[in-house]
Amino acid sequence: MRTRITTSNNLCHTSPSGIRVILGNKNIRMTNKSDKTFLFEANLNWLAEDRGIMYAHGANGPIYVTTPAQFGGSGKEWSPEHLLLSAEIGCDMSTFISFAKKTGVDFSHLECTATGQVELAEGRFRFTHINVYPKIYITGESMRENTNKAIEKTARYCLISNSINASIIYHTQILIEKQRIKVEKPAIVC
């Protein structure tokens, strides 16, 4: 599939390297849910070297992004690769919560890790495999069957999973709340 760029009343900017950047049509509207079409927008401003700042209307705070060290960047901020994996597990969380509510799953804690394998495939780097490791703590054994159903629906209906051209493998653990070891929040180092 080829990437296509179209312009229509878009604001354009030429970067210092001569690349034409389309800043977007500011008359974008969000359609209602009955249309089954939704539009999301994210914005990036290049700061210097391999560093940029991203933001989205309605989201709290910016995200700084940089090229990962594996591809010659500084690797000191979030990379697009980290953001893709975070989008996957963030969507898994949202989708699971939705299905858990619908099926009456009572859970006390959810945590998730994702690892992605990037390979050179057909002359281009891409994610080929993503492993997702959710841990769901339920309040009792009676919740296990519905939790499994919610997980199966999450894997099937997660919007981000359905948009990624990589093999996504779930390694889910369902644990009873009393098995949870409470961990203090990690210190944030600035």
Protein backbone atom coordinates (compact mmCIF):
# COMPACT_ATOMS: atom_id res chain seq x y z
CA MET A 1 0.00 0.00 0.00
CA ARG A 2 1.37 3.41 -0.93
CA THR A 3 1.14 6.48 1.24
CA ARG A 4 -0.84 9.24 -0.39
CA ILE A 5 -0.69 12.89 0.61
CA THR A 6 -3.39 15.22 -0.56
CA THR A 7 -3.79 18.91 0.05
CA SER A 8 -6.97 20.90 0.14
CA ASN A 9 -6.94 24.27 1.85
CA ASN A 10 -4.11 23.03 4.06
CA LEU A 11 -1.49 25.25 5.60
CA CYS A 12 1.95 24.21 4.33
CA HIS A 13 5.41 24.79 5.68
CA THR A 14 8.82 23.93 4.27
CA SER A 15 11.22 22.54 6.87
CA PRO A 16 14.89 23.59 6.98
CA SER A 17 15.75 20.40 5.08
CA GLY A 18 13.39 21.34 2.25
CA ILE A 19 10.67 18.82 3.07
CA ARG A 20 7.15 20.11 2.55
CA VAL A 21 5.08 19.68 5.69
CA ILE A 22 1.30 19.84 5.59
CA LEU A 23 0.08 21.44 8.80
CA GLY A 24 -3.53 20.46 8.27
CA ASN A 25 -6.95 21.78 7.56
CA LYS A 26 -8.18 23.75 10.56
CA ASN A 27 -11.84 23.16 9.60
CA ILE A 28 -11.83 19.54 10.77
CA ARG A 29 -15.00 18.31 12.43
CA MET A 30 -15.68 15.29 14.57
CA THR A 31 -18.56 13.21 13.28
CA ASN A 32 -21.14 11.79 15.65
CA LYS A 33 -21.08 8.15 16.76
CA SER A 34 -23.96 7.08 14.54
CA ASP A 35 -21.84 7.91 11.48
CA LYS A 36 -19.32 5.22 12.55
CA THR A 37 -16.57 7.57 11.41
CA PHE A 38 -14.30 9.37 13.84
CA LEU A 39 -11.46 11.79 13.23
CA PHE A 40 -8.50 12.23 15.55
CA GLU A 41 -5.71 14.75 15.12
CA ALA A 42 -2.23 14.98 16.62
CA ASN A 43 0.25 17.77 16.06
CA LEU A 44 4.04 17.85 16.03
CA ASN A 45 6.49 20.71 16.04
CA TRP A 46 10.13 19.97 15.30
CA LEU A 47 12.37 21.46 17.99
CA ALA A 48 15.96 20.67 16.99
CA GLU A 49 18.10 17.79 15.77
CA ASP A 50 15.96 14.65 16.19
CA ARG A 51 13.60 16.08 18.82
CA GLY A 52 10.01 17.22 18.49
CA ILE A 53 7.04 18.05 20.67
CA MET A 54 3.60 16.55 20.08
CA TYR A 55 0.23 17.58 21.35
CA ALA A 56 -3.41 16.93 20.67
CA HIS A 57 -6.44 19.11 21.25
CA GLY A 58 -8.15 18.03 24.46
CA ALA A 59 -5.18 15.99 25.75
CA ASN A 60 -3.33 17.09 28.86
CA GLY A 61 0.24 18.13 28.26
CA PRO A 62 2.66 17.57 25.42
CA ILE A 63 4.80 14.54 24.63
CA TYR A 64 8.40 14.98 23.57
CA VAL A 65 9.54 12.59 20.88
CA THR A 66 12.92 11.66 19.48
CA THR A 67 14.52 9.08 17.23
CA PRO A 68 15.43 5.95 19.22
CA ALA A 69 19.08 5.14 19.82
CA GLN A 70 18.67 1.97 17.70
CA PHE A 71 18.22 4.23 14.66
CA GLY A 72 20.94 6.75 15.51
CA GLY A 73 18.93 9.15 17.65
CA SER A 74 19.50 10.40 21.14
CA GLY A 75 16.83 8.08 22.54
CA LYS A 76 16.24 10.31 25.55
CA GLU A 77 12.54 10.94 24.99
CA TRP A 78 9.63 8.79 23.86
CA SER A 79 10.21 7.36 20.39
CA PRO A 80 7.53 6.69 17.77
CA GLU A 81 8.16 3.01 18.45
CA HIS A 82 7.40 3.44 22.17
CA LEU A 83 4.31 5.46 21.31
CA LEU A 84 3.02 2.74 18.98
CA LEU A 85 3.40 0.10 21.69
CA SER A 86 1.80 2.46 24.21
CA ALA A 87 -1.10 3.06 21.84
CA GLU A 88 -1.59 -0.70 21.60
CA ILE A 89 -1.70 -1.34 25.34
CA GLY A 90 -3.64 1.85 26.04
CA CYS A 91 -6.30 0.75 23.56
CA ASP A 92 -6.28 -2.75 25.06
CA MET A 93 -6.97 -1.20 28.47
CA SER A 94 -9.84 0.97 27.20
CA THR A 95 -11.36 -1.89 25.23
CA PHE A 96 -11.05 -4.33 28.14
CA ILE A 97 -12.67 -1.88 30.57
CA SER A 98 -15.58 -1.42 28.16
CA PHE A 99 -16.18 -5.16 27.81
CA ALA A 100 -15.56 -5.78 31.53
CA LYS A 101 -18.37 -3.33 32.37
CA LYS A 102 -20.71 -4.99 29.87
CA THR A 103 -20.03 -8.49 31.21
CA GLY A 104 -19.98 -7.59 34.90
CA VAL A 105 -16.29 -8.25 35.52
CA ASP A 106 -15.18 -6.92 38.89
CA PHE A 107 -11.43 -6.34 38.73
CA SER A 108 -9.23 -4.41 41.11
CA HIS A 109 -6.08 -3.81 39.08
CA LEU A 110 -4.82 -3.99 35.51
CA GLU A 111 -1.24 -3.64 34.33
CA CYS A 112 0.25 -4.34 30.96
CA THR A 113 3.62 -4.49 29.21
CA ALA A 114 4.22 -4.71 25.47
CA THR A 115 7.34 -5.61 23.54
CA GLY A 116 7.65 -5.11 19.83
CA GLN A 117 10.06 -6.70 17.39
CA VAL A 118 11.20 -4.49 14.52
CA GLU A 119 12.72 -6.23 11.52
CA LEU A 120 13.80 -5.43 8.01
CA ALA A 121 11.00 -6.95 5.92
CA GLU A 122 10.70 -6.48 2.16
CA GLY A 123 13.37 -3.78 2.27
CA ARG A 124 11.66 -1.73 5.02
CA PHE A 125 11.78 -1.71 8.79
CA ARG A 126 8.47 -2.53 10.43
CA PHE A 127 7.01 -4.11 13.52
CA THR A 128 6.57 -7.80 12.74
CA HIS A 129 5.54 -9.09 16.18
CA ILE A 130 4.05 -7.42 19.22
CA ASN A 131 3.73 -9.35 22.47
CA VAL A 132 1.22 -7.99 24.97
CA TYR A 133 1.42 -9.09 28.62
CA PRO A 134 -1.70 -7.98 30.52
CA LYS A 135 -2.12 -8.88 34.20
CA ILE A 136 -5.68 -8.57 35.43
CA TYR A 137 -6.49 -8.91 39.10
CA ILE A 138 -10.07 -10.04 39.66
CA THR A 139 -11.90 -9.87 42.98
CA GLY A 140 -12.87 -13.54 42.99
CA GLU A 141 -12.74 -16.80 41.07
CA SER A 142 -16.35 -16.30 39.94
CA MET A 143 -15.11 -13.47 37.68
CA ARG A 144 -12.69 -15.66 35.68
CA GLU A 145 -15.06 -16.83 32.91
CA ASN A 146 -16.37 -13.34 32.13
CA THR A 147 -12.83 -11.95 32.34
CA ASN A 148 -11.73 -14.45 29.70
CA LYS A 149 -14.65 -13.38 27.50
CA ALA A 150 -13.75 -9.71 27.93
CA ILE A 151 -10.11 -10.46 27.04
CA GLU A 152 -11.13 -12.38 23.91
CA LYS A 153 -13.32 -9.47 22.80
CA THR A 154 -10.52 -7.03 23.58
CA ALA A 155 -8.13 -8.93 21.31
CA ARG A 156 -10.76 -8.99 18.57
CA TYR A 157 -12.09 -5.43 18.76
CA CYS A 158 -9.18 -3.23 19.88
CA LEU A 159 -9.04 -0.44 17.30
CA ILE A 160 -5.25 -0.11 17.41
CA SER A 161 -4.69 -3.87 17.11
CA ASN A 162 -6.97 -3.88 14.09
CA SER A 163 -4.92 -1.06 12.54
CA ILE A 164 -1.45 -2.57 12.99
CA ASN A 165 0.08 -4.85 10.37
CA ALA A 166 2.01 -7.00 12.82
CA SER A 167 1.31 -10.25 14.58
CA ILE A 168 -0.09 -9.42 18.04
CA ILE A 169 0.14 -12.13 20.67
CA TYR A 170 -1.54 -11.82 24.07
CA HIS A 171 0.05 -13.49 27.12
CA THR A 172 -2.69 -12.77 29.64
CA GLN A 173 -2.54 -13.58 33.34
CA ILE A 174 -5.73 -13.51 35.38
CA LEU A 175 -4.96 -13.41 39.08
CA ILE A 176 -7.06 -13.18 42.22
CA GLU A 177 -6.60 -9.86 44.06
CA LYS A 178 -4.97 -11.51 47.10
CA GLN A 179 -2.10 -12.64 44.79
CA ARG A 180 -1.19 -9.04 44.03
CA ILE A 181 1.99 -7.68 45.51
CA LYS A 182 1.51 -3.98 46.04
CA VAL A 183 4.40 -1.96 44.66
CA GLU A 184 5.14 1.63 45.48
CA LYS A 185 4.98 4.06 42.57
CA PRO A 186 8.39 4.38 40.94
CA ALA A 187 10.17 7.66 41.47
CA ILE A 188 10.14 9.90 38.44
CA VAL A 189 13.62 11.11 37.58
CA CYS A 190 13.79 14.34 35.65
